[in-house]
Amino acid sequence: MKREKIEKRLAMNMMMAEKIEEKRKQDFLDKQAHHDQLRAQHLAQQEQERQLHSQVRKRAVLPGRDLFALILIIHRGWNPFLRRSCCRSSGGT
């Protein structure tokens, strides 16, 4: 009688252990699938940003003559993006 109760309890414990192990395994696979999905989204986003950056870079390339003019402007120290008055006063220095 006592032995039967112990064996029954052990059988129940084994069933519960198998269920718990199966649940852990399923949770792990679900988390792994979720992680893979996030990784795929991240890689797709990176690829889209690379393509966009490439398009911007292609548009930013100047034709040869304009590029040469830009190099001369930069070399001579004139920055077309800064507003300076055309006549500097020499008083004070």
C-alpha atoms as a PDB file:
ATOM      1  CA  MET A   1       0.000   0.000   0.000  1.00  0.00           C
ATOM      2  CA  LYS A   2       2.716   2.475   1.009  1.00  0.00           C
ATOM      3  CA  ARG A   3       4.919   1.335  -1.877  1.00  0.00           C
ATOM      4  CA  GLU A   4       2.051   1.854  -4.342  1.00  0.00           C
ATOM      5  CA  LYS A   5       1.567   5.441  -3.136  1.00  0.00           C
ATOM      6  CA  ILE A   6       5.286   6.154  -3.523  1.00  0.00           C
ATOM      7  CA  GLU A   7       5.358   4.665  -7.025  1.00  0.00           C
ATOM      8  CA  LYS A   8       2.255   6.646  -7.997  1.00  0.00           C
ATOM      9  CA  ARG A   9       3.818   9.863  -6.641  1.00  0.00           C
ATOM     10  CA  LEU A  10       7.081   9.152  -8.537  1.00  0.00           C
ATOM     11  CA  ALA A  11       5.119   8.557 -11.750  1.00  0.00           C
ATOM     12  CA  MET A  12       3.286  11.876 -11.276  1.00  0.00           C
ATOM     13  CA  ASN A  13       6.565  13.649 -10.552  1.00  0.00           C
ATOM     14  CA  MET A  14       8.089  12.195 -13.732  1.00  0.00           C
ATOM     15  CA  MET A  15       5.090  13.350 -15.795  1.00  0.00           C
ATOM     16  CA  MET A  16       5.326  16.838 -14.329  1.00  0.00           C
ATOM     17  CA  ALA A  17       9.086  16.937 -14.938  1.00  0.00           C
ATOM     18  CA  GLU A  18       8.543  15.957 -18.583  1.00  0.00           C
ATOM     19  CA  LYS A  19       5.854  18.633 -18.984  1.00  0.00           C
ATOM     20  CA  ILE A  20       8.109  21.272 -17.426  1.00  0.00           C
ATOM     21  CA  GLU A  21      11.040  20.236 -19.613  1.00  0.00           C
ATOM     22  CA  GLU A  22       8.830  20.389 -22.718  1.00  0.00           C
ATOM     23  CA  LYS A  23       7.612  23.858 -21.717  1.00  0.00           C
ATOM     24  CA  ARG A  24      11.185  25.085 -21.171  1.00  0.00           C
ATOM     25  CA  LYS A  25      12.172  23.703 -24.548  1.00  0.00           C
ATOM     26  CA  GLN A  26       9.206  25.399 -26.240  1.00  0.00           C
ATOM     27  CA  ASP A  27       9.917  28.710 -24.471  1.00  0.00           C
ATOM     28  CA  PHE A  28      13.531  28.545 -25.620  1.00  0.00           C
ATOM     29  CA  LEU A  29      12.483  27.901 -29.219  1.00  0.00           C
ATOM     30  CA  ASP A  30       9.941  30.739 -29.072  1.00  0.00           C
ATOM     31  CA  LYS A  31      12.550  33.156 -27.706  1.00  0.00           C
ATOM     32  CA  GLN A  32      15.043  32.039 -30.345  1.00  0.00           C
ATOM     33  CA  ALA A  33      12.477  32.566 -33.122  1.00  0.00           C
ATOM     34  CA  HIS A  34      11.647  36.008 -31.733  1.00  0.00           C
ATOM     35  CA  HIS A  35      15.346  36.903 -31.577  1.00  0.00           C
ATOM     36  CA  ASP A  36      15.839  35.702 -35.157  1.00  0.00           C
ATOM     37  CA  GLN A  37      12.904  37.825 -36.284  1.00  0.00           C
ATOM     38  CA  LEU A  38      14.307  40.928 -34.557  1.00  0.00           C
ATOM     39  CA  ARG A  39      17.729  40.251 -36.066  1.00  0.00           C
ATOM     40  CA  ALA A  40      16.231  39.929 -39.559  1.00  0.00           C
ATOM     41  CA  GLN A  41      14.367  43.228 -39.098  1.00  0.00           C
ATOM     42  CA  HIS A  42      17.541  44.919 -37.887  1.00  0.00           C
ATOM     43  CA  LEU A  43      19.546  43.622 -40.854  1.00  0.00           C
ATOM     44  CA  ALA A  44      16.824  44.745 -43.275  1.00  0.00           C
ATOM     45  CA  GLN A  45      16.823  48.200 -41.686  1.00  0.00           C
ATOM     46  CA  GLN A  46      20.617  48.411 -41.946  1.00  0.00           C
ATOM     47  CA  GLU A  47      20.479  47.418 -45.616  1.00  0.00           C
ATOM     48  CA  GLN A  48      17.804  50.027 -46.301  1.00  0.00           C
ATOM     49  CA  GLU A  49      19.919  52.697 -44.571  1.00  0.00           C
ATOM     50  CA  ARG A  50      22.976  51.644 -46.590  1.00  0.00           C
ATOM     51  CA  GLN A  51      21.034  51.950 -49.839  1.00  0.00           C
ATOM     52  CA  LEU A  52      19.648  55.335 -48.837  1.00  0.00           C
ATOM     53  CA  HIS A  53      23.109  56.549 -47.845  1.00  0.00           C
ATOM     54  CA  SER A  54      24.478  55.284 -51.149  1.00  0.00           C
ATOM     55  CA  GLN A  55      21.804  57.199 -53.074  1.00  0.00           C
ATOM     56  CA  VAL A  56      22.568  60.384 -51.133  1.00  0.00           C
ATOM     57  CA  ARG A  57      26.271  59.941 -51.772  1.00  0.00           C
ATOM     58  CA  LYS A  58      25.668  59.445 -55.513  1.00  0.00           C
ATOM     59  CA  ARG A  59      23.620  62.652 -55.664  1.00  0.00           C
ATOM     60  CA  ALA A  60      26.254  64.592 -53.734  1.00  0.00           C
ATOM     61  CA  VAL A  61      29.001  63.876 -56.274  1.00  0.00           C
ATOM     62  CA  LEU A  62      29.636  67.005 -58.299  1.00  0.00           C
ATOM     63  CA  PRO A  63      30.563  67.034 -61.969  1.00  0.00           C
ATOM     64  CA  GLY A  64      34.291  67.498 -62.620  1.00  0.00           C
ATOM     65  CA  ARG A  65      34.256  71.258 -63.280  1.00  0.00           C
ATOM     66  CA  ASP A  66      32.115  72.046 -60.193  1.00  0.00           C
ATOM     67  CA  LEU A  67      34.289  69.818 -58.044  1.00  0.00           C
ATOM     68  CA  PHE A  68      37.430  71.612 -59.215  1.00  0.00           C
ATOM     69  CA  ALA A  69      35.829  74.990 -58.447  1.00  0.00           C
ATOM     70  CA  LEU A  70      34.840  73.768 -54.993  1.00  0.00           C
ATOM     71  CA  ILE A  71      38.394  72.604 -54.313  1.00  0.00           C
ATOM     72  CA  LEU A  72      39.749  76.023 -55.345  1.00  0.00           C
ATOM     73  CA  ILE A  73      37.246  77.788 -53.112  1.00  0.00           C
ATOM     74  CA  ILE A  74      38.134  75.631 -50.117  1.00  0.00           C
ATOM     75  CA  HIS A  75      41.875  75.887 -50.821  1.00  0.00           C
ATOM     76  CA  ARG A  76      41.740  79.674 -50.899  1.00  0.00           C
ATOM     77  CA  GLY A  77      39.898  79.745 -47.567  1.00  0.00           C
ATOM     78  CA  TRP A  78      36.619  81.183 -48.795  1.00  0.00           C
ATOM     79  CA  ASN A  79      33.612  79.475 -47.307  1.00  0.00           C
ATOM     80  CA  PRO A  80      30.417  80.225 -49.238  1.00  0.00           C
ATOM     81  CA  PHE A  81      28.338  79.115 -46.261  1.00  0.00           C
ATOM     82  CA  LEU A  82      29.630  81.828 -43.936  1.00  0.00           C
ATOM     83  CA  ARG A  83      28.311  85.359 -44.355  1.00  0.00           C
ATOM     84  CA  ARG A  84      31.047  87.912 -44.209  1.00  0.00           C
ATOM     85  CA  SER A  85      30.877  91.534 -45.153  1.00  0.00           C
ATOM     86  CA  CYS A  86      32.729  92.247 -48.352  1.00  0.00           C
ATOM     87  CA  CYS A  87      34.551  95.249 -46.861  1.00  0.00           C
ATOM     88  CA  ARG A  88      36.442  94.712 -43.654  1.00  0.00           C
ATOM     89  CA  SER A  89      37.344  97.714 -41.608  1.00  0.00           C
ATOM     90  CA  SER A  90      41.004  97.905 -40.810  1.00  0.00           C
ATOM     91  CA  GLY A  91      40.553 100.114 -37.781  1.00  0.00           C
ATOM     92  CA  GLY A  92      41.216  98.551 -34.404  1.00  0.00           C
ATOM     93  CA  THR A  93      43.948  96.126 -35.455  1.00  0.00           C
END
